Amino acid sequence: MAPNALATRIPTKRVLTGPERSAILMLALGEQHGAAIWKQLDEDEIRDISHAMSNLGNIESEMVENMLVEFVSKMSSAGALMGNVESTERILTGFLPKDRVEQIMEEIRGPAGRNMWEKLSNVQEQVLANYLKNEYPQTVAVVLSKIRAEHAARVLAILPDEFALDVVKRMLTIESVQKDIIERVEQTLRTEFMSNLSQTSRRDAHEMIAEIFNAFDRQTETRFLTALEEDNRDSADRIKALMFTFDDLMRLDAAAVQTLLRNVARDRLTVALKGATQAVRDFFMSHMSQRAGKMLADDMGAMGPVRMRDVDEAQSHMVMVAKDLAAKGEIMITKNRSDDELVF
């Protein structure tokens, strides 16, 4: 081994700094799966992690695996990680302007969205309906007129019939609402609904780990699940139950399959199905025309051997496309054939 390689080699037992641990995690995720995380970091965080990453040198696989297993174990443990909304706000107030702190905390407290109405559109319909049924019908009419139509429809369907009909009548006659009324409604929702929601519906750590494991290739996923099963069987079982896999795409209905196929490049579909079970192949081909199915089968036959790594990447891509479509409301994906919808 060359002297310069020895100089940059990191000992397995070395105590890593926070930025170094973050750098290793981002390197392990790679460009495709780490992109979404990079976008959430501020300039200082990007600078610190990038500096640590550029000075890491060679990292032994044992170190990477030990660090990630430790990370997964901590996130999956009953105690999770320490920290809460109040302490976060207090720390931010020490070095950020008040308006910037308020903006960040609003994003933390509420569901995803740039403004209140986008956030409401990401609140589970049953939760939103339970809150709105105790409000004045006129207020509910204003709220439902501001959120996405498909979400408003699901909320209306849950509300008591007589109350919902009253709301619809008010929506039919609603004209331009004064700005100060909108602002008051927004403020009430922010202080009474969103703040309470953040306290009662915190995201389970197992859901987050399941999403991370979904982004692994099959070999890495198996390695981590096996290690976690030895350390914490209950957490491993919960994570496996929450994971949405390539085979789960067989739970899509006919319309969702058609939408997915339109959004996946033909070459990736061919590679993904090349390494799939016959049942999965038959499922997707049953939703194609006879001609398209034959062409796909011919393409797979002419392709020859395919690396499992490429198959995993293509199948993971199809799963991510399905999740993106579900997040946009274009399809619904479920883990089983009941009415329990998975929310991503």
Protein backbone atom coordinates (compact mmCIF):
# COMPACT_ATOMS: atom_id res chain seq x y z
CA MET A 1 0.00 0.00 0.00
CA ALA A 2 1.30 3.43 -0.89
CA PRO A 3 2.49 5.73 1.96
CA ASN A 4 -0.03 8.43 1.13
CA ALA A 5 -2.86 5.90 1.38
CA LEU A 6 -1.69 4.96 4.87
CA ALA A 7 -1.61 8.62 5.81
CA THR A 8 -5.26 9.15 4.91
CA ARG A 9 -6.63 5.85 6.21
CA ILE A 10 -9.05 6.35 9.12
CA PRO A 11 -8.62 3.87 12.01
CA THR A 12 -11.71 1.81 12.77
CA LYS A 13 -11.62 2.86 16.42
CA ARG A 14 -11.30 6.58 15.75
CA VAL A 15 -13.81 8.81 17.54
CA LEU A 16 -15.63 10.73 14.83
CA THR A 17 -16.83 14.32 15.07
CA GLY A 18 -20.41 15.24 14.26
CA PRO A 19 -19.58 16.60 10.78
CA GLU A 20 -17.49 13.49 10.03
CA ARG A 21 -20.36 11.18 10.98
CA SER A 22 -22.72 13.23 8.82
CA ALA A 23 -20.23 13.11 5.95
CA ILE A 24 -20.00 9.31 6.13
CA LEU A 25 -23.79 9.00 6.19
CA MET A 26 -24.13 11.25 3.13
CA LEU A 27 -21.43 9.32 1.28
CA ALA A 28 -23.23 6.06 2.08
CA LEU A 29 -26.54 7.43 0.77
CA GLY A 30 -24.90 8.60 -2.45
CA GLU A 31 -26.02 11.26 -4.90
CA GLN A 32 -29.47 9.89 -5.69
CA HIS A 33 -30.71 9.21 -2.15
CA GLY A 34 -28.78 11.98 -0.43
CA ALA A 35 -29.94 14.80 -2.71
CA ALA A 36 -33.14 15.46 -0.77
CA ILE A 37 -31.15 15.79 2.49
CA TRP A 38 -28.57 18.16 0.99
CA LYS A 39 -31.41 20.46 -0.06
CA GLN A 40 -32.59 20.75 3.55
CA LEU A 41 -29.21 21.89 4.90
CA ASP A 42 -28.19 25.50 5.28
CA GLU A 43 -24.93 26.94 3.92
CA ASP A 44 -22.98 26.48 7.16
CA GLU A 45 -24.05 22.85 7.50
CA ILE A 46 -23.16 22.13 3.87
CA ARG A 47 -19.78 23.80 4.37
CA ASP A 48 -18.98 21.83 7.56
CA ILE A 49 -20.04 18.48 6.12
CA SER A 50 -18.28 19.11 2.78
CA HIS A 51 -15.06 20.07 4.57
CA ALA A 52 -15.23 16.92 6.71
CA MET A 53 -16.04 14.80 3.66
CA SER A 54 -13.06 16.10 1.69
CA ASN A 55 -10.70 15.14 4.53
CA LEU A 56 -12.09 11.69 5.38
CA GLY A 57 -9.73 9.66 3.23
CA ASN A 58 -10.32 5.91 3.03
CA ILE A 59 -13.03 4.62 5.36
CA GLU A 60 -13.09 0.99 6.39
CA SER A 61 -16.36 -0.80 5.69
CA GLU A 62 -16.48 -1.97 9.31
CA MET A 63 -16.49 1.65 10.49
CA VAL A 64 -19.29 2.60 8.09
CA GLU A 65 -21.42 -0.38 9.05
CA ASN A 66 -20.90 0.08 12.79
CA MET A 67 -21.81 3.76 12.59
CA LEU A 68 -24.94 3.20 10.52
CA VAL A 69 -26.14 0.28 12.65
CA GLU A 70 -25.64 2.45 15.74
CA PHE A 71 -27.60 5.25 14.05
CA VAL A 72 -30.46 2.94 13.08
CA SER A 73 -30.56 1.35 16.53
CA LYS A 74 -30.79 4.72 18.27
CA MET A 75 -33.49 5.99 15.94
CA SER A 76 -35.50 2.78 16.33
CA SER A 77 -35.21 2.54 20.11
CA ALA A 78 -38.17 3.29 22.33
CA GLY A 79 -36.51 6.40 23.71
CA ALA A 80 -35.62 7.74 20.25
CA LEU A 81 -33.49 10.89 20.33
CA MET A 82 -33.64 13.65 22.88
CA GLY A 83 -35.00 17.04 21.91
CA ASN A 84 -38.34 18.77 21.42
CA VAL A 85 -39.95 21.73 19.73
CA GLU A 86 -39.52 24.05 22.71
CA SER A 87 -35.79 23.41 23.16
CA THR A 88 -35.20 23.77 19.42
CA GLU A 89 -36.97 27.14 19.34
CA ARG A 90 -35.03 28.32 22.37
CA ILE A 91 -31.69 27.43 20.77
CA LEU A 92 -32.57 29.03 17.43
CA THR A 93 -33.64 32.24 19.15
CA GLY A 94 -30.10 32.64 20.47
CA PHE A 95 -28.56 33.20 17.05
CA LEU A 96 -31.31 33.81 14.46
CA PRO A 97 -33.66 36.78 13.88
CA LYS A 98 -37.15 36.35 15.33
CA ASP A 99 -38.93 36.24 11.96
CA ARG A 100 -36.54 33.54 10.70
CA VAL A 101 -37.11 31.48 13.86
CA GLU A 102 -40.89 31.78 13.46
CA GLN A 103 -40.64 30.63 9.85
CA ILE A 104 -38.50 27.60 10.74
CA MET A 105 -40.69 26.63 13.68
CA GLU A 106 -43.85 26.86 11.58
CA GLU A 107 -42.28 24.39 9.14
CA ILE A 108 -41.33 22.09 12.04
CA ARG A 109 -44.69 22.22 13.79
CA GLY A 110 -46.92 21.75 10.77
CA PRO A 111 -47.11 19.21 7.97
CA ALA A 112 -45.17 19.89 4.79
CA GLY A 113 -46.13 22.99 2.82
CA ARG A 114 -45.01 26.54 2.14
CA ASN A 115 -48.11 28.16 3.63
CA MET A 116 -50.99 27.30 5.95
CA TRP A 117 -53.29 26.04 3.20
CA GLU A 118 -50.65 23.73 1.73
CA LYS A 119 -49.99 22.41 5.23
CA LEU A 120 -53.69 21.73 5.78
CA SER A 121 -53.79 19.84 2.49
CA ASN A 122 -51.19 17.46 3.95
CA VAL A 123 -53.07 16.82 7.20
CA GLN A 124 -54.86 13.46 7.30
CA GLU A 125 -58.49 14.05 6.37
CA GLN A 126 -59.88 12.34 9.48
CA VAL A 127 -57.77 14.56 11.76
CA LEU A 128 -58.80 17.73 9.90
CA ALA A 129 -62.48 16.73 9.83
CA ASN A 130 -62.50 16.04 13.57
CA TYR A 131 -61.25 19.58 14.18
CA LEU A 132 -63.49 21.36 11.64
CA LYS A 133 -66.73 19.71 12.76
CA ASN A 134 -66.59 21.86 15.91
CA GLU A 135 -66.12 25.12 13.99
CA TYR A 136 -68.71 27.46 12.47
CA PRO A 137 -69.88 26.27 9.02
CA GLN A 138 -68.78 29.58 7.51
CA THR A 139 -65.25 29.09 8.84
CA VAL A 140 -65.19 25.54 7.49
CA ALA A 141 -66.39 26.84 4.11
CA VAL A 142 -63.48 29.28 4.00
CA VAL A 143 -60.97 26.57 4.93
CA LEU A 144 -62.24 24.02 2.39
CA SER A 145 -62.31 26.64 -0.35
CA LYS A 146 -58.60 27.30 0.21
CA ILE A 147 -57.20 23.75 0.29
CA ARG A 148 -56.81 21.26 -2.57
CA ALA A 149 -60.13 20.15 -4.06
CA GLU A 150 -59.42 16.41 -3.69
CA HIS A 151 -58.51 16.86 -0.03
CA ALA A 152 -61.58 19.03 0.62
CA ALA A 153 -63.70 16.28 -0.93
CA ARG A 154 -62.31 13.65 1.45
CA VAL A 155 -62.89 15.92 4.46
CA LEU A 156 -66.47 16.72 3.41
CA ALA A 157 -67.23 13.02 3.04
CA ILE A 158 -66.31 12.46 6.70
CA LEU A 159 -68.20 15.43 8.18
CA PRO A 160 -71.78 14.83 9.47
CA ASP A 161 -74.21 14.98 6.53
CA GLU A 162 -76.29 17.94 7.70
CA PHE A 163 -73.23 19.94 8.71
CA ALA A 164 -71.43 19.11 5.44
CA LEU A 165 -74.45 20.20 3.39
CA ASP A 166 -74.55 23.52 5.25
CA VAL A 167 -70.85 23.98 4.46
CA VAL A 168 -71.42 23.23 0.76
CA LYS A 169 -74.24 25.79 0.60
CA ARG A 170 -71.97 28.43 2.11
CA MET A 171 -69.19 27.54 -0.30
CA LEU A 172 -71.60 28.03 -3.20
CA THR A 173 -72.39 31.57 -2.08
CA ILE A 174 -68.93 32.51 -0.86
CA GLU A 175 -67.38 35.36 -2.78
CA SER A 176 -64.16 37.22 -2.13
CA VAL A 177 -63.30 36.94 1.55
CA GLN A 178 -61.79 39.96 3.20
CA LYS A 179 -58.07 39.70 3.82
CA ASP A 180 -58.36 40.30 7.57
CA ILE A 181 -60.84 37.41 7.90
CA ILE A 182 -58.46 35.07 6.07
CA GLU A 183 -55.62 36.20 8.32
CA ARG A 184 -57.69 35.59 11.46
CA VAL A 185 -58.63 32.10 10.28
CA GLU A 186 -54.97 31.37 9.48
CA GLN A 187 -53.85 32.61 12.90
CA THR A 188 -56.48 30.50 14.67
CA LEU A 189 -55.48 27.42 12.72
CA ARG A 190 -51.81 28.06 13.45
CA THR A 191 -52.20 28.60 17.20
CA GLU A 192 -55.03 26.17 18.00
CA PHE A 193 -54.78 23.39 15.44
CA MET A 194 -51.24 23.11 14.09
CA SER A 195 -49.54 23.56 17.45
CA ASN A 196 -51.74 20.88 19.04
CA LEU A 197 -51.21 18.61 16.04
CA SER A 198 -47.44 18.78 16.48
CA GLN A 199 -47.80 17.66 20.09
CA THR A 200 -50.12 14.72 19.41
CA SER A 201 -48.99 13.29 16.09
CA ARG A 202 -45.21 13.18 16.09
CA ARG A 203 -43.76 10.99 13.38
CA ASP A 204 -42.68 7.56 14.51
CA ALA A 205 -38.93 6.99 14.15
CA HIS A 206 -39.58 3.56 12.64
CA GLU A 207 -41.34 5.21 9.67
CA MET A 208 -38.28 7.32 8.94
CA ILE A 209 -35.94 4.33 9.17
CA ALA A 210 -38.26 2.34 6.88
CA GLU A 211 -37.95 5.09 4.25
CA ILE A 212 -34.16 5.05 4.57
CA PHE A 213 -34.08 1.26 4.23
CA ASN A 214 -36.30 1.52 1.15
CA ALA A 215 -33.53 3.56 -0.46
CA PHE A 216 -30.92 0.81 0.13
CA ASP A 217 -30.07 -1.75 -2.50
CA ARG A 218 -31.23 -5.27 -1.66
CA GLN A 219 -27.88 -6.47 -0.31
CA THR A 220 -27.41 -3.47 1.98
CA GLU A 221 -31.02 -3.67 3.16
CA THR A 222 -30.60 -7.33 4.10
CA ARG A 223 -27.33 -6.64 5.91
CA PHE A 224 -28.79 -3.88 8.06
CA LEU A 225 -32.05 -5.67 8.80
CA THR A 226 -30.12 -8.78 9.85
CA ALA A 227 -27.88 -6.73 12.15
CA LEU A 228 -30.86 -4.89 13.60
CA GLU A 229 -32.78 -8.14 14.17
CA GLU A 230 -29.92 -9.36 16.34
CA ASP A 231 -29.91 -6.11 18.32
CA ASN A 232 -33.63 -5.30 18.48
CA ARG A 233 -36.04 -7.83 16.98
CA ASP A 234 -39.20 -5.81 17.74
CA SER A 235 -37.90 -2.68 16.00
CA ALA A 236 -36.72 -4.71 13.01
CA ASP A 237 -40.15 -6.29 12.64
CA ARG A 238 -41.89 -2.90 12.85
CA ILE A 239 -39.56 -1.44 10.23
CA LYS A 240 -40.12 -4.37 7.85
CA ALA A 241 -43.89 -3.96 8.23
CA LEU A 242 -43.63 -0.27 7.30
CA MET A 243 -41.33 -0.69 4.32
CA PHE A 244 -42.85 -0.31 0.86
CA THR A 245 -41.03 -2.62 -1.53
CA PHE A 246 -40.99 -3.32 -5.24
CA ASP A 247 -43.26 -6.35 -4.76
CA ASP A 248 -45.80 -4.08 -3.02
CA LEU A 249 -46.38 -2.39 -6.39
CA MET A 250 -48.62 -5.39 -7.12
CA ARG A 251 -51.12 -3.78 -4.70
CA LEU A 252 -51.72 -0.89 -7.11
CA ASP A 253 -55.05 -0.72 -8.85
CA ALA A 254 -55.28 -0.70 -12.65
CA ALA A 255 -55.40 3.10 -13.00
CA ALA A 256 -52.39 3.54 -10.70
CA VAL A 257 -50.36 0.97 -12.65
CA GLN A 258 -51.08 2.81 -15.90
CA THR A 259 -50.00 6.10 -14.32
CA LEU A 260 -46.81 4.53 -12.98
CA LEU A 261 -45.93 2.96 -16.34
CA ARG A 262 -46.32 6.33 -18.05
CA ASN A 263 -43.82 7.84 -15.62
CA VAL A 264 -41.10 5.17 -15.80
CA ALA A 265 -38.65 5.05 -18.69
CA ARG A 266 -38.92 1.89 -20.77
CA ASP A 267 -35.27 0.91 -20.27
CA ARG A 268 -35.60 1.08 -16.47
CA LEU A 269 -38.86 -0.88 -16.55
CA THR A 270 -37.16 -3.57 -18.64
CA VAL A 271 -34.24 -3.93 -16.21
CA ALA A 272 -36.56 -3.87 -13.15
CA LEU A 273 -38.77 -6.65 -14.52
CA LYS A 274 -35.78 -8.63 -15.80
CA GLY A 275 -34.87 -9.34 -12.17
CA ALA A 276 -38.43 -9.61 -10.85
CA THR A 277 -40.41 -12.72 -10.02
CA GLN A 278 -42.67 -14.18 -12.67
CA ALA A 279 -45.69 -13.07 -10.65
CA VAL A 280 -44.56 -9.43 -10.75
CA ARG A 281 -43.82 -9.65 -14.48
CA ASP A 282 -47.24 -11.12 -15.16
CA PHE A 283 -48.88 -8.41 -13.06
CA PHE A 284 -47.35 -5.53 -15.00
CA MET A 285 -47.80 -7.19 -18.39
CA SER A 286 -51.48 -7.79 -17.61
CA HIS A 287 -51.88 -4.00 -17.54
CA MET A 288 -50.24 -3.54 -20.95
CA SER A 289 -51.57 -4.13 -24.40
CA GLN A 290 -50.70 -7.51 -25.91
CA ARG A 291 -48.29 -5.82 -28.31
CA ALA A 292 -46.55 -3.77 -25.61
CA GLY A 293 -46.24 -6.82 -23.36
CA LYS A 294 -44.68 -8.88 -26.16
CA MET A 295 -42.20 -6.10 -26.98
CA LEU A 296 -41.19 -5.87 -23.32
CA ALA A 297 -40.74 -9.65 -23.08
CA ASP A 298 -38.61 -9.59 -26.26
CA ASP A 299 -36.49 -6.76 -24.84
CA MET A 300 -35.87 -8.72 -21.63
CA GLY A 301 -34.95 -11.82 -23.60
CA ALA A 302 -32.52 -9.92 -25.81
CA MET A 303 -30.93 -8.14 -22.85
CA GLY A 304 -28.90 -11.08 -21.59
CA PRO A 305 -27.50 -11.23 -18.04
CA VAL A 306 -28.05 -8.12 -15.90
CA ARG A 307 -26.15 -7.15 -12.77
CA MET A 308 -28.24 -7.42 -9.61
CA ARG A 309 -27.04 -3.94 -8.65
CA ASP A 310 -28.67 -2.53 -11.78
CA VAL A 311 -31.88 -4.46 -11.09
CA ASP A 312 -32.01 -3.10 -7.52
CA GLU A 313 -31.45 0.45 -8.77
CA ALA A 314 -34.21 0.15 -11.39
CA GLN A 315 -36.67 -1.39 -8.93
CA SER A 316 -35.87 1.24 -6.29
CA HIS A 317 -36.44 3.92 -8.92
CA MET A 318 -39.90 2.54 -9.69
CA VAL A 319 -40.77 2.51 -5.97
CA MET A 320 -39.60 6.12 -5.59
CA VAL A 321 -41.63 7.19 -8.64
CA ALA A 322 -44.71 5.52 -7.13
CA LYS A 323 -44.17 7.33 -3.83
CA ASP A 324 -43.73 10.67 -5.61
CA LEU A 325 -46.97 10.11 -7.54
CA ALA A 326 -48.75 9.21 -4.28
CA ALA A 327 -47.41 12.35 -2.60
CA LYS A 328 -48.84 14.41 -5.47
CA GLY A 329 -52.20 12.70 -5.08
CA GLU A 330 -52.03 11.09 -8.54
CA ILE A 331 -52.17 7.50 -7.25
CA MET A 332 -52.91 5.69 -3.96
CA ILE A 333 -50.59 2.99 -2.69
CA THR A 334 -51.34 0.50 0.08
CA LYS A 335 -49.43 -2.22 1.87
CA ASN A 336 -52.41 -4.56 1.78
CA ARG A 337 -55.80 -4.91 0.17
CA SER A 338 -57.65 -3.13 2.96
CA ASP A 339 -58.55 0.54 2.99
CA ASP A 340 -55.49 1.49 5.09
CA GLU A 341 -53.64 4.04 2.99
CA LEU A 342 -49.92 4.55 3.41
CA VAL A 343 -48.96 8.19 3.86
CA PHE A 344 -45.51 9.26 2.66
